[in-house]
Amino acid sequence: MHGVIVTNFKRYLDEFMGTDAWGEVVSTAGLQGKTYLPVALYPDEEMEALLRAAESATGLRRDDLLADFGEWVIGPLITMYQPMIPTGWDAMTFLLNMQQIHERILRLKDPAATAPKIEVHKRGDDTLEIHYHSHRNMAAMIHGSVKGVAAYFNETASLLGSEAGEGGEQRFVFHIQPNKTQQALEAV
């Protein structure tokens, strides 16, 4: 797991549960004394242990926790990697290029590491179909992340449907729409 995800998970928990939350989650996960750095990679099992402990601490189901975190984390990640995102992109363009951006960032940290496979296809002017393939079983983050990307670009993403496949695969269909305020400004 990417350290930037783990360290942002800490920030997320601190923001929503208070600064003592992380210590409780790390302790419950059996990872006392463990320090996480954004530039390092960590075993997936540690993130799973942190997620299980956070489920217990928050009372949220794993998928709800991942979706909420996915939506929250997009802002900090886009800000961090802003130089890799061309000026003038909107949510649709960003999402259509998400896999390439993710792989470029990952290769900067560890050329041998593998990213989840995220295939994004445009299905009409305002609809995207996203296929997520990963052994990490973190597809719920996609739901939140797409909403976070849309919000970052002052747009709205609505989940039209999803279905689970085999081996950690999940398919999502989203409607992406600019906010009415944004449309009015562009018309002027």
Protein backbone atom coordinates (compact mmCIF):
# COMPACT_ATOMS: atom_id res chain seq x y z
CA MET A 1 0.00 0.00 0.00
CA HIS A 2 1.23 3.47 -0.84
CA GLY A 3 2.38 5.45 2.18
CA VAL A 4 0.58 8.51 0.86
CA ILE A 5 -2.71 6.60 1.23
CA VAL A 6 -1.88 5.43 4.76
CA THR A 7 -0.74 8.88 5.92
CA ASN A 8 -3.83 10.49 4.42
CA PHE A 9 -5.98 7.85 6.12
CA LYS A 10 -4.45 9.06 9.39
CA ARG A 11 -5.29 12.68 8.50
CA TYR A 12 -8.83 11.64 7.57
CA LEU A 13 -9.38 9.85 10.89
CA ASP A 14 -7.80 12.74 12.83
CA GLU A 15 -10.14 15.20 11.12
CA PHE A 16 -13.33 13.25 11.68
CA MET A 17 -12.64 11.52 14.99
CA GLY A 18 -10.05 13.68 16.72
CA THR A 19 -6.29 13.48 17.01
CA ASP A 20 -6.39 10.52 19.42
CA ALA A 21 -8.18 8.33 16.87
CA TRP A 22 -5.07 7.29 14.97
CA GLY A 23 -3.31 5.98 18.07
CA GLU A 24 -6.37 3.92 18.97
CA VAL A 25 -6.68 2.54 15.44
CA VAL A 26 -2.97 1.65 15.21
CA SER A 27 -3.11 -0.04 18.62
CA THR A 28 -6.28 -2.00 17.79
CA ALA A 29 -4.67 -3.06 14.49
CA GLY A 30 -1.70 -4.48 16.44
CA LEU A 31 0.72 -2.05 14.78
CA GLN A 32 1.90 -0.13 17.87
CA GLY A 33 5.10 1.79 17.29
CA LYS A 34 4.70 1.67 13.50
CA THR A 35 5.44 4.92 11.66
CA TYR A 36 4.14 5.61 8.16
CA LEU A 37 5.78 7.91 5.64
CA PRO A 38 4.09 9.17 2.46
CA VAL A 39 7.06 8.22 0.25
CA ALA A 40 7.23 4.55 1.31
CA LEU A 41 5.28 1.43 0.40
CA TYR A 42 3.75 -0.84 3.08
CA PRO A 43 2.29 -4.35 3.11
CA ASP A 44 -1.37 -4.44 2.07
CA GLU A 45 -2.08 -6.47 5.23
CA GLU A 46 -1.23 -3.43 7.36
CA MET A 47 -3.79 -1.26 5.57
CA GLU A 48 -6.36 -4.05 5.99
CA ALA A 49 -5.63 -4.19 9.72
CA LEU A 50 -5.98 -0.40 9.94
CA LEU A 51 -9.29 -0.54 8.05
CA ARG A 52 -10.68 -3.25 10.37
CA ALA A 53 -9.64 -1.21 13.42
CA ALA A 54 -11.15 1.97 11.91
CA GLU A 55 -14.40 0.09 11.24
CA SER A 56 -14.57 -0.76 14.90
CA ALA A 57 -13.67 2.77 16.01
CA THR A 58 -16.09 4.56 13.67
CA GLY A 59 -18.96 2.09 13.57
CA LEU A 60 -18.95 2.37 9.77
CA ARG A 61 -19.01 -0.63 7.46
CA ARG A 62 -15.76 -1.15 5.52
CA ASP A 63 -17.23 -0.07 2.17
CA ASP A 64 -18.84 3.05 3.65
CA LEU A 65 -15.55 3.95 5.35
CA LEU A 66 -13.60 3.43 2.10
CA ALA A 67 -16.11 5.46 0.05
CA ASP A 68 -16.03 8.34 2.52
CA PHE A 69 -12.24 8.25 2.71
CA GLY A 70 -12.03 8.02 -1.10
CA GLU A 71 -14.09 11.17 -1.47
CA TRP A 72 -12.10 13.02 1.20
CA VAL A 73 -8.61 12.03 -0.02
CA ILE A 74 -8.99 13.31 -3.58
CA GLY A 75 -8.48 16.96 -2.60
CA PRO A 76 -5.12 16.37 -0.85
CA LEU A 77 -3.94 13.99 -3.62
CA ILE A 78 -4.82 16.33 -6.49
CA THR A 79 -3.17 19.20 -4.64
CA MET A 80 -0.03 17.09 -4.09
CA TYR A 81 0.19 15.93 -7.70
CA GLN A 82 -1.17 19.09 -9.37
CA PRO A 83 1.91 19.46 -11.65
CA MET A 84 0.96 16.15 -13.33
CA ILE A 85 -2.53 17.40 -14.23
CA PRO A 86 -2.78 19.60 -17.33
CA THR A 87 -4.53 22.95 -16.98
CA GLY A 88 -8.04 22.98 -18.39
CA TRP A 89 -9.02 19.45 -17.46
CA ASP A 90 -12.47 18.72 -16.11
CA ALA A 91 -13.64 15.76 -14.04
CA MET A 92 -14.40 13.63 -17.09
CA THR A 93 -10.95 14.18 -18.61
CA PHE A 94 -9.22 13.55 -15.29
CA LEU A 95 -11.11 10.29 -14.76
CA LEU A 96 -10.45 9.12 -18.33
CA ASN A 97 -6.72 9.59 -17.62
CA MET A 98 -6.74 8.39 -14.00
CA GLN A 99 -4.96 5.08 -14.64
CA GLN A 100 -2.04 6.75 -16.44
CA ILE A 101 -1.67 9.37 -13.68
CA HIS A 102 -1.82 6.69 -10.98
CA GLU A 103 0.82 4.56 -12.73
CA ARG A 104 3.16 7.56 -13.24
CA ILE A 105 2.94 8.46 -9.56
CA LEU A 106 3.50 4.87 -8.50
CA ARG A 107 6.55 4.48 -10.76
CA LEU A 108 8.11 7.55 -9.14
CA LYS A 109 8.00 5.71 -5.80
CA ASP A 110 8.75 2.14 -6.87
CA PRO A 111 9.16 1.04 -10.50
CA ALA A 112 8.36 -2.57 -9.52
CA ALA A 113 5.09 -1.79 -7.71
CA THR A 114 1.76 -2.53 -9.34
CA ALA A 115 -1.29 -0.29 -9.33
CA PRO A 116 -4.87 -1.48 -9.31
CA LYS A 117 -6.19 -1.61 -12.86
CA ILE A 118 -8.78 1.10 -13.39
CA GLU A 119 -10.34 1.14 -16.85
CA VAL A 120 -12.49 4.16 -17.63
CA HIS A 121 -14.68 4.37 -20.73
CA LYS A 122 -16.88 7.21 -21.88
CA ARG A 123 -20.46 6.11 -22.53
CA GLY A 124 -22.10 9.20 -23.98
CA ASP A 125 -21.45 12.86 -23.30
CA ASP A 126 -21.88 12.70 -19.55
CA THR A 127 -21.54 9.05 -18.54
CA LEU A 128 -18.50 7.02 -17.55
CA GLU A 129 -18.13 3.29 -17.01
CA ILE A 130 -15.31 2.37 -14.64
CA HIS A 131 -13.91 -1.12 -14.15
CA TYR A 132 -11.75 -1.63 -11.07
CA HIS A 133 -9.55 -4.75 -10.85
CA SER A 134 -7.43 -5.36 -7.77
CA HIS A 135 -6.64 -8.05 -5.24
CA ARG A 136 -6.84 -5.32 -2.55
CA ASN A 137 -10.66 -5.32 -2.51
CA MET A 138 -10.86 -1.53 -2.17
CA ALA A 139 -13.36 -0.88 -4.96
CA ALA A 140 -15.57 1.15 -2.61
CA MET A 141 -12.89 3.84 -2.72
CA ILE A 142 -13.71 4.34 -6.42
CA HIS A 143 -17.25 5.40 -5.57
CA GLY A 144 -15.99 8.07 -3.19
CA SER A 145 -13.01 9.07 -5.32
CA VAL A 146 -15.16 9.78 -8.37
CA LYS A 147 -17.40 11.99 -6.24
CA GLY A 148 -14.29 13.72 -4.85
CA VAL A 149 -12.86 14.30 -8.33
CA ALA A 150 -16.16 15.77 -9.52
CA ALA A 151 -16.34 18.05 -6.48
CA TYR A 152 -12.74 19.18 -7.02
CA PHE A 153 -13.65 20.28 -10.55
CA ASN A 154 -16.92 21.86 -9.33
CA GLU A 155 -19.01 19.12 -10.90
CA THR A 156 -21.33 16.43 -9.60
CA ALA A 157 -20.97 12.66 -9.96
CA SER A 158 -23.99 10.41 -9.48
CA LEU A 159 -23.65 6.65 -9.27
CA LEU A 160 -26.07 5.11 -11.76
CA GLY A 161 -25.17 1.51 -10.98
CA SER A 162 -22.51 -0.93 -9.90
CA GLU A 163 -21.94 -4.65 -9.94
CA ALA A 164 -19.31 -6.91 -8.48
CA GLY A 165 -17.35 -9.26 -10.67
CA GLU A 166 -14.91 -12.01 -9.82
CA GLY A 167 -11.50 -11.66 -8.18
CA GLY A 168 -11.91 -8.15 -6.81
CA GLU A 169 -13.42 -6.68 -9.98
CA GLN A 170 -16.15 -4.08 -9.71
CA ARG A 171 -17.98 -2.11 -12.42
CA PHE A 172 -19.44 1.34 -11.83
CA VAL A 173 -21.44 3.66 -14.06
CA PHE A 174 -21.44 7.38 -13.19
CA HIS A 175 -23.21 10.42 -14.56
CA ILE A 176 -20.88 13.46 -14.47
CA GLN A 177 -22.46 16.89 -14.64
CA PRO A 178 -21.10 20.42 -14.27
CA ASN A 179 -22.78 22.34 -11.46
CA LYS A 180 -25.45 24.77 -12.68
CA THR A 181 -23.48 27.73 -11.28
CA GLN A 182 -20.45 26.67 -13.33
CA GLN A 183 -22.57 26.27 -16.47
CA ALA A 184 -24.02 29.77 -15.99
CA LEU A 185 -20.53 31.27 -15.62
CA GLU A 186 -19.30 29.51 -18.76
CA ALA A 187 -22.30 30.79 -20.74
CA VAL A 188 -21.44 34.42 -19.92
